[in-house]
PDB file of all heavy atoms in Angstrom:
ATOM      1  N   ALA A   1      23.416  12.720 -72.276  1.00  0.00           N
ATOM      2  CA  ALA A   1      22.423  11.885 -72.784  1.00  0.00           C
ATOM      3  C   ALA A   1      21.091  12.001 -71.971  1.00  0.00           C
ATOM      4  O   ALA A   1      20.015  11.861 -72.471  1.00  0.00           O
ATOM      5  CB  ALA A   1      22.910  10.391 -72.813  1.00  0.00           C
ATOM      6  N   PHE A   2      21.268  12.139 -70.735  1.00  0.00           N
ATOM      7  CA  PHE A   2      20.072  12.256 -69.810  1.00  0.00           C
ATOM      8  C   PHE A   2      19.887  13.669 -69.273  1.00  0.00           C
ATOM      9  O   PHE A   2      19.567  13.888 -68.081  1.00  0.00           O
ATOM     10  CB  PHE A   2      20.229  11.227 -68.719  1.00  0.00           C
ATOM     11  CG  PHE A   2      20.170   9.832 -69.121  1.00  0.00           C
ATOM     12  CD1 PHE A   2      21.391   9.053 -69.291  1.00  0.00           C
ATOM     13  CD2 PHE A   2      18.975   9.139 -69.430  1.00  0.00           C
ATOM     14  CE1 PHE A   2      21.383   7.780 -69.736  1.00  0.00           C
ATOM     15  CE2 PHE A   2      18.908   7.856 -69.893  1.00  0.00           C
ATOM     16  CZ  PHE A   2      20.158   7.143 -70.085  1.00  0.00           C
ATOM     17  N   ASP A   3      20.187  14.572 -70.105  1.00  0.00           N
ATOM     18  CA  ASP A   3      20.042  16.055 -69.735  1.00  0.00           C
ATOM     19  C   ASP A   3      18.671  16.364 -69.152  1.00  0.00           C
ATOM     20  O   ASP A   3      17.615  15.935 -69.757  1.00  0.00           O
ATOM     21  CB  ASP A   3      20.341  16.932 -70.897  1.00  0.00           C
ATOM     22  CG  ASP A   3      20.336  18.423 -70.561  1.00  0.00           C
ATOM     23  OD1 ASP A   3      20.790  18.658 -69.413  1.00  0.00           O
ATOM     24  OD2 ASP A   3      19.927  19.179 -71.375  1.00  0.00           O
ATOM     25  N   GLY A   4      18.608  16.934 -68.073  1.00  0.00           N
ATOM     26  CA  GLY A   4      17.307  17.325 -67.415  1.00  0.00           C
ATOM     27  C   GLY A   4      16.847  16.324 -66.403  1.00  0.00           C
ATOM     28  O   GLY A   4      15.824  16.537 -65.750  1.00  0.00           O
ATOM     29  N   ARG A   5      17.514  15.185 -66.321  1.00  0.00           N
ATOM     30  CA  ARG A   5      17.143  14.123 -65.355  1.00  0.00           C
ATOM     31  C   ARG A   5      18.093  14.132 -64.185  1.00  0.00           C
ATOM     32  O   ARG A   5      19.359  14.192 -64.414  1.00  0.00           O
ATOM     33  CB  ARG A   5      17.082  12.715 -66.044  1.00  0.00           C
ATOM     34  CG  ARG A   5      16.706  11.636 -65.037  1.00  0.00           C
ATOM     35  CD  ARG A   5      16.754  10.250 -65.657  1.00  0.00           C
ATOM     36  NE  ARG A   5      15.877  10.123 -66.766  1.00  0.00           N
ATOM     37  CZ  ARG A   5      15.746   8.932 -67.435  1.00  0.00           C
ATOM     38  NH1 ARG A   5      16.477   7.890 -67.128  1.00  0.00           N
ATOM     39  NH2 ARG A   5      14.896   8.867 -68.440  1.00  0.00           N
ATOM     40  N   GLU A   6      17.588  14.056 -62.915  1.00  0.00           N
ATOM     41  CA  GLU A   6      18.474  14.015 -61.809  1.00  0.00           C
ATOM     42  C   GLU A   6      18.569  12.632 -61.241  1.00  0.00           C
ATOM     43  O   GLU A   6      19.596  12.232 -60.823  1.00  0.00           O
ATOM     44  CB  GLU A   6      17.970  14.999 -60.697  1.00  0.00           C
ATOM     45  CG  GLU A   6      18.186  16.471 -61.077  1.00  0.00           C
ATOM     46  CD  GLU A   6      19.647  16.858 -61.218  1.00  0.00           C
ATOM     47  OE1 GLU A   6      20.510  16.093 -60.721  1.00  0.00           O
ATOM     48  OE2 GLU A   6      19.908  17.883 -61.794  1.00  0.00           O
ATOM     49  N   SER A   7      17.491  11.887 -61.197  1.00  0.00           N
ATOM     50  CA  SER A   7      17.439  10.531 -60.619  1.00  0.00           C
ATOM     51  C   SER A   7      17.651   9.555 -61.745  1.00  0.00           C
ATOM     52  O   SER A   7      17.077   9.598 -62.818  1.00  0.00           O
ATOM     53  CB  SER A   7      16.162  10.193 -59.967  1.00  0.00           C
ATOM     54  OG  SER A   7      15.988  11.043 -58.785  1.00  0.00           O
ATOM     55  N   LEU A   8      18.644   8.620 -61.529  1.00  0.00           N
ATOM     56  CA  LEU A   8      18.993   7.655 -62.624  1.00  0.00           C
ATOM     57  C   LEU A   8      19.455   6.344 -61.866  1.00  0.00           C
ATOM     58  O   LEU A   8      20.303   6.439 -60.926  1.00  0.00           O
ATOM     59  CB  LEU A   8      19.995   8.201 -63.532  1.00  0.00           C
ATOM     60  CG  LEU A   8      20.399   7.249 -64.691  1.00  0.00           C
ATOM     61  CD1 LEU A   8      19.298   7.091 -65.667  1.00  0.00           C
ATOM     62  CD2 LEU A   8      21.659   7.820 -65.451  1.00  0.00           C
ATOM     63  N   CYS A   9      19.006   5.252 -62.390  1.00  0.00           N
ATOM     64  CA  CYS A   9      19.562   3.915 -62.012  1.00  0.00           C
ATOM     65  C   CYS A   9      19.841   3.175 -63.288  1.00  0.00           C
ATOM     66  O   CYS A   9      18.918   2.599 -63.981  1.00  0.00           O
ATOM     67  CB  CYS A   9      18.588   3.154 -61.108  1.00  0.00           C
ATOM     68  SG  CYS A   9      19.234   1.595 -60.566  1.00  0.00           S
ATOM     69  N   GLY A  10      21.073   3.158 -63.725  1.00  0.00           N
ATOM     70  CA  GLY A  10      21.419   2.498 -64.928  1.00  0.00           C
ATOM     71  C   GLY A  10      22.818   3.036 -65.411  1.00  0.00           C
ATOM     72  O   GLY A  10      23.271   4.071 -64.937  1.00  0.00           O
ATOM     73  N   TYR A  11      23.461   2.351 -66.387  1.00  0.00           N
ATOM     74  CA  TYR A  11      24.706   2.766 -66.920  1.00  0.00           C
ATOM     75  C   TYR A  11      25.758   3.013 -65.841  1.00  0.00           C
ATOM     76  O   TYR A  11      26.670   3.860 -65.980  1.00  0.00           O
ATOM     77  CB  TYR A  11      24.602   4.056 -67.748  1.00  0.00           C
ATOM     78  CG  TYR A  11      23.838   3.847 -69.052  1.00  0.00           C
ATOM     79  CD1 TYR A  11      22.423   4.023 -69.163  1.00  0.00           C
ATOM     80  CD2 TYR A  11      24.516   3.395 -70.236  1.00  0.00           C
ATOM     81  CE1 TYR A  11      21.802   3.797 -70.379  1.00  0.00           C
ATOM     82  CE2 TYR A  11      23.907   3.176 -71.384  1.00  0.00           C
ATOM     83  CZ  TYR A  11      22.585   3.391 -71.466  1.00  0.00           C
ATOM     84  OH  TYR A  11      21.873   3.169 -72.661  1.00  0.00           O
ATOM     85  N   GLY A  12      25.726   2.156 -64.766  1.00  0.00           N
ATOM     86  CA  GLY A  12      26.722   2.275 -63.742  1.00  0.00           C
ATOM     87  C   GLY A  12      26.513   3.443 -62.699  1.00  0.00           C
ATOM     88  O   GLY A  12      27.337   3.762 -61.911  1.00  0.00           O
ATOM     89  N   VAL A  13      25.265   4.025 -62.752  1.00  0.00           N
ATOM     90  CA  VAL A  13      24.945   5.112 -61.882  1.00  0.00           C
ATOM     91  C   VAL A  13      23.760   4.774 -61.005  1.00  0.00           C
ATOM     92  O   VAL A  13      22.814   4.231 -61.519  1.00  0.00           O
ATOM     93  CB  VAL A  13      24.686   6.403 -62.740  1.00  0.00           C
ATOM     94  CG1 VAL A  13      23.988   7.478 -61.859  1.00  0.00           C
ATOM     95  CG2 VAL A  13      25.901   6.900 -63.378  1.00  0.00           C
ATOM     96  N   GLY A  14      23.795   5.217 -59.784  1.00  0.00           N
ATOM     97  CA  GLY A  14      22.653   5.200 -58.937  1.00  0.00           C
ATOM     98  C   GLY A  14      22.668   6.441 -58.107  1.00  0.00           C
ATOM     99  O   GLY A  14      23.383   6.531 -57.083  1.00  0.00           O
ATOM    100  N   THR A  15      21.949   7.486 -58.480  1.00  0.00           N
ATOM    101  CA  THR A  15      22.139   8.806 -57.903  1.00  0.00           C
ATOM    102  C   THR A  15      20.824   9.583 -58.091  1.00  0.00           C
ATOM    103  O   THR A  15      20.075   9.420 -58.987  1.00  0.00           O
ATOM    104  CB  THR A  15      23.272   9.589 -58.518  1.00  0.00           C
ATOM    105  OG1 THR A  15      23.471  10.810 -57.794  1.00  0.00           O
ATOM    106  CG2 THR A  15      23.076   9.934 -59.971  1.00  0.00           C
ATOM    107  N   ASP A  16      20.652  10.540 -57.161  1.00  0.00           N
ATOM    108  CA  ASP A  16      19.543  11.521 -57.287  1.00  0.00           C
ATOM    109  C   ASP A  16      19.997  12.861 -57.719  1.00  0.00           C
ATOM    110  O   ASP A  16      19.231  13.815 -57.760  1.00  0.00           O
ATOM    111  CB  ASP A  16      18.883  11.712 -55.856  1.00  0.00           C
ATOM    112  CG  ASP A  16      17.973  10.637 -55.461  1.00  0.00           C
ATOM    113  OD1 ASP A  16      17.327  10.040 -56.399  1.00  0.00           O
ATOM    114  OD2 ASP A  16      17.885  10.252 -54.279  1.00  0.00           O
ATOM    115  N   CYS A  17      21.285  13.014 -58.093  1.00  0.00           N
ATOM    116  CA  CYS A  17      21.855  14.275 -58.479  1.00  0.00           C
ATOM    117  C   CYS A  17      22.750  14.056 -59.639  1.00  0.00           C
ATOM    118  O   CYS A  17      23.946  14.404 -59.565  1.00  0.00           O
ATOM    119  CB  CYS A  17      22.589  15.012 -57.366  1.00  0.00           C
ATOM    120  SG  CYS A  17      23.688  13.971 -56.313  1.00  0.00           S
ATOM    121  N   LEU A  18      22.249  13.575 -60.776  1.00  0.00           N
ATOM    122  CA  LEU A  18      23.064  13.255 -61.969  1.00  0.00           C
ATOM    123  C   LEU A  18      23.771  14.516 -62.473  1.00  0.00           C
ATOM    124  O   LEU A  18      24.931  14.398 -62.973  1.00  0.00           O
ATOM    125  CB  LEU A  18      22.165  12.661 -63.043  1.00  0.00           C
ATOM    126  CG  LEU A  18      22.886  12.251 -64.268  1.00  0.00           C
ATOM    127  CD1 LEU A  18      23.969  11.168 -64.001  1.00  0.00           C
ATOM    128  CD2 LEU A  18      21.935  11.735 -65.381  1.00  0.00           C
ATOM    129  N   SER A  19      23.202  15.612 -62.425  1.00  0.00           N
ATOM    130  CA  SER A  19      23.801  16.852 -63.016  1.00  0.00           C
ATOM    131  C   SER A  19      25.050  17.251 -62.278  1.00  0.00           C
ATOM    132  O   SER A  19      26.015  17.880 -62.795  1.00  0.00           O
ATOM    133  CB  SER A  19      22.857  17.974 -63.049  1.00  0.00           C
ATOM    134  OG  SER A  19      22.437  18.389 -61.783  1.00  0.00           O
ATOM    135  N   ALA A  20      25.102  16.895 -60.940  1.00  0.00           N
ATOM    136  CA  ALA A  20      26.250  17.300 -60.169  1.00  0.00           C
ATOM    137  C   ALA A  20      26.418  16.293 -59.019  1.00  0.00           C
ATOM    138  O   ALA A  20      26.328  16.653 -57.784  1.00  0.00           O
ATOM    139  CB  ALA A  20      26.039  18.668 -59.602  1.00  0.00           C
ATOM    140  N   PRO A  21      26.822  15.049 -59.299  1.00  0.00           N
ATOM    141  CA  PRO A  21      26.971  14.092 -58.269  1.00  0.00           C
ATOM    142  C   PRO A  21      28.227  14.352 -57.485  1.00  0.00           C
ATOM    143  O   PRO A  21      29.179  14.982 -57.968  1.00  0.00           O
ATOM    144  CB  PRO A  21      27.127  12.767 -59.014  1.00  0.00           C
ATOM    145  CG  PRO A  21      27.686  13.178 -60.359  1.00  0.00           C
ATOM    146  CD  PRO A  21      27.082  14.493 -60.677  1.00  0.00           C
ATOM    147  N   PRO A  22      28.331  13.909 -56.185  1.00  0.00           N
ATOM    148  CA  PRO A  22      29.416  14.162 -55.419  1.00  0.00           C
ATOM    149  C   PRO A  22      30.620  13.230 -55.648  1.00  0.00           C
ATOM    150  O   PRO A  22      30.858  12.302 -54.964  1.00  0.00           O
ATOM    151  CB  PRO A  22      28.871  13.986 -53.936  1.00  0.00           C
ATOM    152  CG  PRO A  22      27.802  13.003 -54.125  1.00  0.00           C
ATOM    153  CD  PRO A  22      27.177  13.217 -55.454  1.00  0.00           C
ATOM    154  N   VAL A  23      31.303  13.533 -56.743  1.00  0.00           N
ATOM    155  CA  VAL A  23      32.368  12.560 -57.179  1.00  0.00           C
ATOM    156  C   VAL A  23      33.743  13.262 -57.021  1.00  0.00           C
ATOM    157  O   VAL A  23      34.750  12.538 -57.140  1.00  0.00           O
ATOM    158  CB  VAL A  23      32.142  12.103 -58.641  1.00  0.00           C
ATOM    159  CG1 VAL A  23      30.888  11.276 -58.749  1.00  0.00           C
ATOM    160  CG2 VAL A  23      32.112  13.286 -59.580  1.00  0.00           C
ATOM    161  N   GLU A  24      33.848  14.583 -56.788  1.00  0.00           N
ATOM    162  CA  GLU A  24      35.130  15.214 -56.657  1.00  0.00           C
ATOM    163  C   GLU A  24      35.642  15.108 -55.262  1.00  0.00           C
ATOM    164  O   GLU A  24      34.876  15.168 -54.247  1.00  0.00           O
ATOM    165  CB  GLU A  24      34.986  16.795 -57.004  1.00  0.00           C
ATOM    166  CG  GLU A  24      34.477  17.037 -58.416  1.00  0.00           C
ATOM    167  CD  GLU A  24      35.511  16.871 -59.475  1.00  0.00           C
ATOM    168  OE1 GLU A  24      36.716  16.695 -59.078  1.00  0.00           O
ATOM    169  OE2 GLU A  24      35.157  16.819 -60.686  1.00  0.00           O
ATOM    170  N   TRP A  25      36.933  14.946 -55.095  1.00  0.00           N
ATOM    171  CA  TRP A  25      37.558  14.861 -53.729  1.00  0.00           C
ATOM    172  C   TRP A  25      37.664  16.248 -53.132  1.00  0.00           C
ATOM    173  O   TRP A  25      38.280  17.110 -53.633  1.00  0.00           O
ATOM    174  CB  TRP A  25      38.968  14.240 -53.814  1.00  0.00           C
ATOM    175  CG  TRP A  25      39.744  14.440 -52.530  1.00  0.00           C
ATOM    176  CD1 TRP A  25      40.866  15.175 -52.396  1.00  0.00           C
ATOM    177  CD2 TRP A  25      39.406  13.764 -51.260  1.00  0.00           C
ATOM    178  NE1 TRP A  25      41.287  15.097 -51.052  1.00  0.00           N
ATOM    179  CE2 TRP A  25      40.388  14.246 -50.347  1.00  0.00           C
ATOM    180  CE3 TRP A  25      38.376  12.956 -50.807  1.00  0.00           C
ATOM    181  CZ2 TRP A  25      40.457  13.825 -49.024  1.00  0.00           C
ATOM    182  CZ3 TRP A  25      38.468  12.557 -49.458  1.00  0.00           C
ATOM    183  CH2 TRP A  25      39.419  13.008 -48.626  1.00  0.00           C
ATOM    184  N   LYS A  26      36.920  16.455 -52.050  1.00  0.00           N
ATOM    185  CA  LYS A  26      36.907  17.673 -51.326  1.00  0.00           C
ATOM    186  C   LYS A  26      37.096  17.482 -49.835  1.00  0.00           C
ATOM    187  O   LYS A  26      36.825  18.360 -49.042  1.00  0.00           O
ATOM    188  CB  LYS A  26      35.595  18.473 -51.587  1.00  0.00           C
ATOM    189  CG  LYS A  26      35.402  18.850 -53.020  1.00  0.00           C
ATOM    190  CD  LYS A  26      34.082  19.589 -53.236  1.00  0.00           C
ATOM    191  CE  LYS A  26      33.885  19.940 -54.704  1.00  0.00           C
ATOM    192  NZ  LYS A  26      32.624  20.655 -54.971  1.00  0.00           N
ATOM    193  N   GLY A  27      37.472  16.255 -49.474  1.00  0.00           N
ATOM    194  CA  GLY A  27      37.674  15.919 -48.055  1.00  0.00           C
ATOM    195  C   GLY A  27      36.512  15.305 -47.399  1.00  0.00           C
ATOM    196  O   GLY A  27      36.494  14.992 -46.170  1.00  0.00           O
ATOM    197  N   ASP A  28      35.430  15.039 -48.215  1.00  0.00           N
ATOM    198  CA  ASP A  28      34.189  14.374 -47.735  1.00  0.00           C
ATOM    199  C   ASP A  28      33.856  13.147 -48.622  1.00  0.00           C
ATOM    200  O   ASP A  28      34.544  12.955 -49.594  1.00  0.00           O
ATOM    201  CB  ASP A  28      33.019  15.348 -47.659  1.00  0.00           C
ATOM    202  CG  ASP A  28      33.244  16.500 -46.647  1.00  0.00           C
ATOM    203  OD1 ASP A  28      33.513  16.126 -45.492  1.00  0.00           O
ATOM    204  OD2 ASP A  28      33.118  17.623 -47.007  1.00  0.00           O
ATOM    205  N   GLY A  29      32.783  12.444 -48.195  1.00  0.00           N
ATOM    206  CA  GLY A  29      32.424  11.298 -49.017  1.00  0.00           C
ATOM    207  C   GLY A  29      32.129  11.615 -50.457  1.00  0.00           C
ATOM    208  O   GLY A  29      31.557  12.619 -50.731  1.00  0.00           O
ATOM    209  N   THR A  30      32.383  10.609 -51.312  1.00  0.00           N
ATOM    210  CA  THR A  30      32.018  10.721 -52.756  1.00  0.00           C
ATOM    211  C   THR A  30      31.236   9.491 -53.081  1.00  0.00           C
ATOM    212  O   THR A  30      31.505   8.340 -52.661  1.00  0.00           O
ATOM    213  CB  THR A  30      33.295  10.847 -53.602  1.00  0.00           C
ATOM    214  OG1 THR A  30      34.030   9.577 -53.614  1.00  0.00           O
ATOM    215  CG2 THR A  30      34.191  11.894 -53.178  1.00  0.00           C
ATOM    216  N   TYR A  31      30.200   9.686 -53.942  1.00  0.00           N
ATOM    217  CA  TYR A  31      29.264   8.589 -54.248  1.00  0.00           C
ATOM    218  C   TYR A  31      28.821   8.745 -55.657  1.00  0.00           C
ATOM    219  O   TYR A  31      28.565   9.810 -56.203  1.00  0.00           O
ATOM    220  CB  TYR A  31      28.037   8.635 -53.335  1.00  0.00           C
ATOM    221  CG  TYR A  31      28.374   8.604 -51.878  1.00  0.00           C
ATOM    222  CD1 TYR A  31      28.394   9.754 -51.117  1.00  0.00           C
ATOM    223  CD2 TYR A  31      28.625   7.378 -51.222  1.00  0.00           C
ATOM    224  CE1 TYR A  31      28.788   9.750 -49.774  1.00  0.00           C
ATOM    225  CE2 TYR A  31      28.873   7.339 -49.835  1.00  0.00           C
ATOM    226  CZ  TYR A  31      28.993   8.543 -49.128  1.00  0.00           C
ATOM    227  OH  TYR A  31      29.300   8.496 -47.817  1.00  0.00           O
ATOM    228  N   ILE A  32      28.555   7.503 -56.322  1.00  0.00           N
ATOM    229  CA  ILE A  32      27.940   7.504 -57.641  1.00  0.00           C
ATOM    230  C   ILE A  32      27.006   6.353 -57.827  1.00  0.00           C
ATOM    231  O   ILE A  32      26.160   6.256 -58.738  1.00  0.00           O
ATOM    232  CB  ILE A  32      28.997   7.504 -58.780  1.00  0.00           C
ATOM    233  CG1 ILE A  32      28.389   7.858 -60.119  1.00  0.00           C
ATOM    234  CG2 ILE A  32      29.738   6.140 -58.813  1.00  0.00           C
ATOM    235  CD1 ILE A  32      27.806   9.228 -60.198  1.00  0.00           C
ATOM    236  N   GLN A  33      27.095   5.282 -56.958  1.00  0.00           N
ATOM    237  CA  GLN A  33      26.257   4.136 -57.020  1.00  0.00           C
ATOM    238  C   GLN A  33      25.461   3.820 -55.722  1.00  0.00           C
ATOM    239  O   GLN A  33      24.806   2.774 -55.602  1.00  0.00           O
ATOM    240  CB  GLN A  33      27.030   2.869 -57.431  1.00  0.00           C
ATOM    241  CG  GLN A  33      27.656   2.994 -58.838  1.00  0.00           C
ATOM    242  CD  GLN A  33      28.315   1.671 -59.239  1.00  0.00           C
ATOM    243  OE1 GLN A  33      28.516   0.750 -58.497  1.00  0.00           O
ATOM    244  NE2 GLN A  33      28.712   1.603 -60.573  1.00  0.00           N
ATOM    245  N   LYS A  34      25.567   4.740 -54.761  1.00  0.00           N
ATOM    246  CA  LYS A  34      25.095   4.393 -53.396  1.00  0.00           C
ATOM    247  C   LYS A  34      23.669   4.020 -53.348  1.00  0.00           C
ATOM    248  O   LYS A  34      23.203   3.113 -52.571  1.00  0.00           O
ATOM    249  CB  LYS A  34      25.353   5.652 -52.518  1.00  0.00           C
ATOM    250  CG  LYS A  34      24.956   5.392 -51.004  1.00  0.00           C
ATOM    251  CD  LYS A  34      25.286   6.610 -50.250  1.00  0.00           C
ATOM    252  CE  LYS A  34      24.907   6.385 -48.730  1.00  0.00           C
ATOM    253  NZ  LYS A  34      25.231   7.619 -47.948  1.00  0.00           N
ATOM    254  N   SER A  35      22.794   4.646 -54.167  1.00  0.00           N
ATOM    255  CA  SER A  35      21.340   4.420 -54.119  1.00  0.00           C
ATOM    256  C   SER A  35      20.960   3.059 -54.695  1.00  0.00           C
ATOM    257  O   SER A  35      19.835   2.673 -54.636  1.00  0.00           O
ATOM    258  CB  SER A  35      20.577   5.539 -54.759  1.00  0.00           C
ATOM    259  OG  SER A  35      20.854   5.561 -56.176  1.00  0.00           O
ATOM    260  N   GLY A  36      21.875   2.357 -55.374  1.00  0.00           N
ATOM    261  CA  GLY A  36      21.644   1.082 -55.910  1.00  0.00           C
ATOM    262  C   GLY A  36      21.882  -0.141 -54.952  1.00  0.00           C
ATOM    263  O   GLY A  36      21.714  -1.251 -55.342  1.00  0.00           O
ATOM    264  N   ILE A  37      22.380   0.218 -53.707  1.00  0.00           N
ATOM    265  CA  ILE A  37      22.819  -0.812 -52.826  1.00  0.00           C
ATOM    266  C   ILE A  37      21.646  -1.625 -52.296  1.00  0.00           C
ATOM    267  O   ILE A  37      20.557  -1.104 -51.955  1.00  0.00           O
ATOM    268  CB  ILE A  37      23.595  -0.191 -51.640  1.00  0.00           C
ATOM    269  CG1 ILE A  37      24.971   0.327 -52.131  1.00  0.00           C
ATOM    270  CG2 ILE A  37      23.807  -1.165 -50.499  1.00  0.00           C
ATOM    271  CD1 ILE A  37      25.725   1.148 -51.133  1.00  0.00           C
ATOM    272  N   VAL A  38      21.782  -2.973 -52.196  1.00  0.00           N
ATOM    273  CA  VAL A  38      20.776  -3.852 -51.717  1.00  0.00           C
ATOM    274  C   VAL A  38      21.231  -4.467 -50.393  1.00  0.00           C
ATOM    275  O   VAL A  38      20.518  -4.308 -49.381  1.00  0.00           O
ATOM    276  CB  VAL A  38      20.487  -4.996 -52.684  1.00  0.00           C
ATOM    277  CG1 VAL A  38      19.402  -5.903 -52.173  1.00  0.00           C
ATOM    278  CG2 VAL A  38      20.013  -4.384 -54.067  1.00  0.00           C
ATOM    279  N   GLN A  39      22.370  -5.118 -50.352  1.00  0.00           N
ATOM    280  CA  GLN A  39      22.880  -5.779 -49.131  1.00  0.00           C
ATOM    281  C   GLN A  39      24.147  -5.047 -48.617  1.00  0.00           C
ATOM    282  O   GLN A  39      24.987  -4.647 -49.486  1.00  0.00           O
ATOM    283  CB  GLN A  39      23.224  -7.230 -49.314  1.00  0.00           C
ATOM    284  CG  GLN A  39      22.018  -8.108 -49.649  1.00  0.00           C
ATOM    285  CD  GLN A  39      22.411  -9.571 -49.588  1.00  0.00           C
ATOM    286  OE1 GLN A  39      22.800 -10.136 -48.578  1.00  0.00           O
ATOM    287  NE2 GLN A  39      22.288 -10.262 -50.726  1.00  0.00           N
ATOM    288  N   ASP A  40      24.294  -4.959 -47.323  1.00  0.00           N
ATOM    289  CA  ASP A  40      25.455  -4.367 -46.704  1.00  0.00           C
ATOM    290  C   ASP A  40      26.251  -5.514 -45.962  1.00  0.00           C
ATOM    291  O   ASP A  40      25.705  -6.110 -45.033  1.00  0.00           O
ATOM    292  CB  ASP A  40      25.113  -3.278 -45.768  1.00  0.00           C
ATOM    293  CG  ASP A  40      26.282  -2.604 -45.144  1.00  0.00           C
ATOM    294  OD1 ASP A  40      27.415  -3.096 -45.268  1.00  0.00           O
ATOM    295  OD2 ASP A  40      26.009  -1.615 -44.403  1.00  0.00           O
ATOM    296  N   PHE A  41      27.394  -5.836 -46.471  1.00  0.00           N
ATOM    297  CA  PHE A  41      28.210  -6.907 -45.840  1.00  0.00           C
ATOM    298  C   PHE A  41      29.172  -6.362 -44.756  1.00  0.00           C
ATOM    299  O   PHE A  41      29.921  -7.185 -44.201  1.00  0.00           O
ATOM    300  CB  PHE A  41      29.073  -7.617 -46.932  1.00  0.00           C
ATOM    301  CG  PHE A  41      28.229  -8.339 -47.910  1.00  0.00           C
ATOM    302  CD1 PHE A  41      28.532  -8.291 -49.269  1.00  0.00           C
ATOM    303  CD2 PHE A  41      27.188  -9.154 -47.471  1.00  0.00           C
ATOM    304  CE1 PHE A  41      27.766  -9.056 -50.183  1.00  0.00           C
ATOM    305  CE2 PHE A  41      26.415  -9.851 -48.374  1.00  0.00           C
ATOM    306  CZ  PHE A  41      26.725  -9.761 -49.812  1.00  0.00           C
ATOM    307  N   GLY A  42      29.272  -5.116 -44.547  1.00  0.00           N
ATOM    308  CA  GLY A  42      30.077  -4.557 -43.539  1.00  0.00           C
ATOM    309  C   GLY A  42      31.523  -4.259 -43.925  1.00  0.00           C
ATOM    310  O   GLY A  42      31.836  -4.171 -45.101  1.00  0.00           O
ATOM    311  N   LEU A  43      32.443  -4.099 -42.962  1.00  0.00           N
ATOM    312  CA  LEU A  43      33.761  -3.567 -43.137  1.00  0.00           C
ATOM    313  C   LEU A  43      34.780  -4.711 -43.220  1.00  0.00           C
ATOM    314  O   LEU A  43      34.700  -5.764 -42.535  1.00  0.00           O
ATOM    315  CB  LEU A  43      34.217  -2.632 -42.060  1.00  0.00           C
ATOM    316  CG  LEU A  43      33.298  -1.365 -41.920  1.00  0.00           C
ATOM    317  CD1 LEU A  43      33.640  -0.683 -40.627  1.00  0.00           C
ATOM    318  CD2 LEU A  43      33.421  -0.442 -43.093  1.00  0.00           C
ATOM    319  N   PHE A  44      35.824  -4.528 -44.067  1.00  0.00           N
ATOM    320  CA  PHE A  44      36.854  -5.526 -44.264  1.00  0.00           C
ATOM    321  C   PHE A  44      38.179  -4.702 -44.313  1.00  0.00           C
ATOM    322  O   PHE A  44      38.259  -3.656 -44.985  1.00  0.00           O
ATOM    323  CB  PHE A  44      36.673  -6.355 -45.531  1.00  0.00           C
ATOM    324  CG  PHE A  44      35.424  -7.087 -45.548  1.00  0.00           C
ATOM    325  CD1 PHE A  44      34.289  -6.548 -45.903  1.00  0.00           C
ATOM    326  CD2 PHE A  44      35.450  -8.477 -45.219  1.00  0.00           C
ATOM    327  CE1 PHE A  44      33.051  -7.265 -45.931  1.00  0.00           C
ATOM    328  CE2 PHE A  44      34.279  -9.217 -45.230  1.00  0.00           C
ATOM    329  CZ  PHE A  44      33.072  -8.544 -45.590  1.00  0.00           C
ATOM    330  N   GLU A  45      39.248  -5.257 -43.646  1.00  0.00           N
ATOM    331  CA  GLU A  45      40.500  -4.565 -43.699  1.00  0.00           C
ATOM    332  C   GLU A  45      41.151  -4.615 -45.111  1.00  0.00           C
ATOM    333  O   GLU A  45      41.915  -3.695 -45.455  1.00  0.00           O
ATOM    334  CB  GLU A  45      41.430  -5.060 -42.622  1.00  0.00           C
ATOM    335  CG  GLU A  45      40.986  -4.790 -41.187  1.00  0.00           C
ATOM    336  CD  GLU A  45      42.025  -5.224 -40.188  1.00  0.00           C
ATOM    337  OE1 GLU A  45      42.901  -6.032 -40.499  1.00  0.00           O
ATOM    338  OE2 GLU A  45      41.936  -4.674 -39.042  1.00  0.00           O
TER     339      GLU A  45
END
C-alpha cells in the first residue's frame, strides 16, 4: 500500500525502513514501532 515510502508512522508501524524493517530473528534486535516511542518506563522482570 505504501510502496516507495520508507518512513511511516501509522497502521501500527513506526519505522524508517518500511521496505525491509528488522523484524526477522537473526540473533539481534528486531523493531517495528521503535520510532513512535514517547516515554521510557524502564525494565520490568
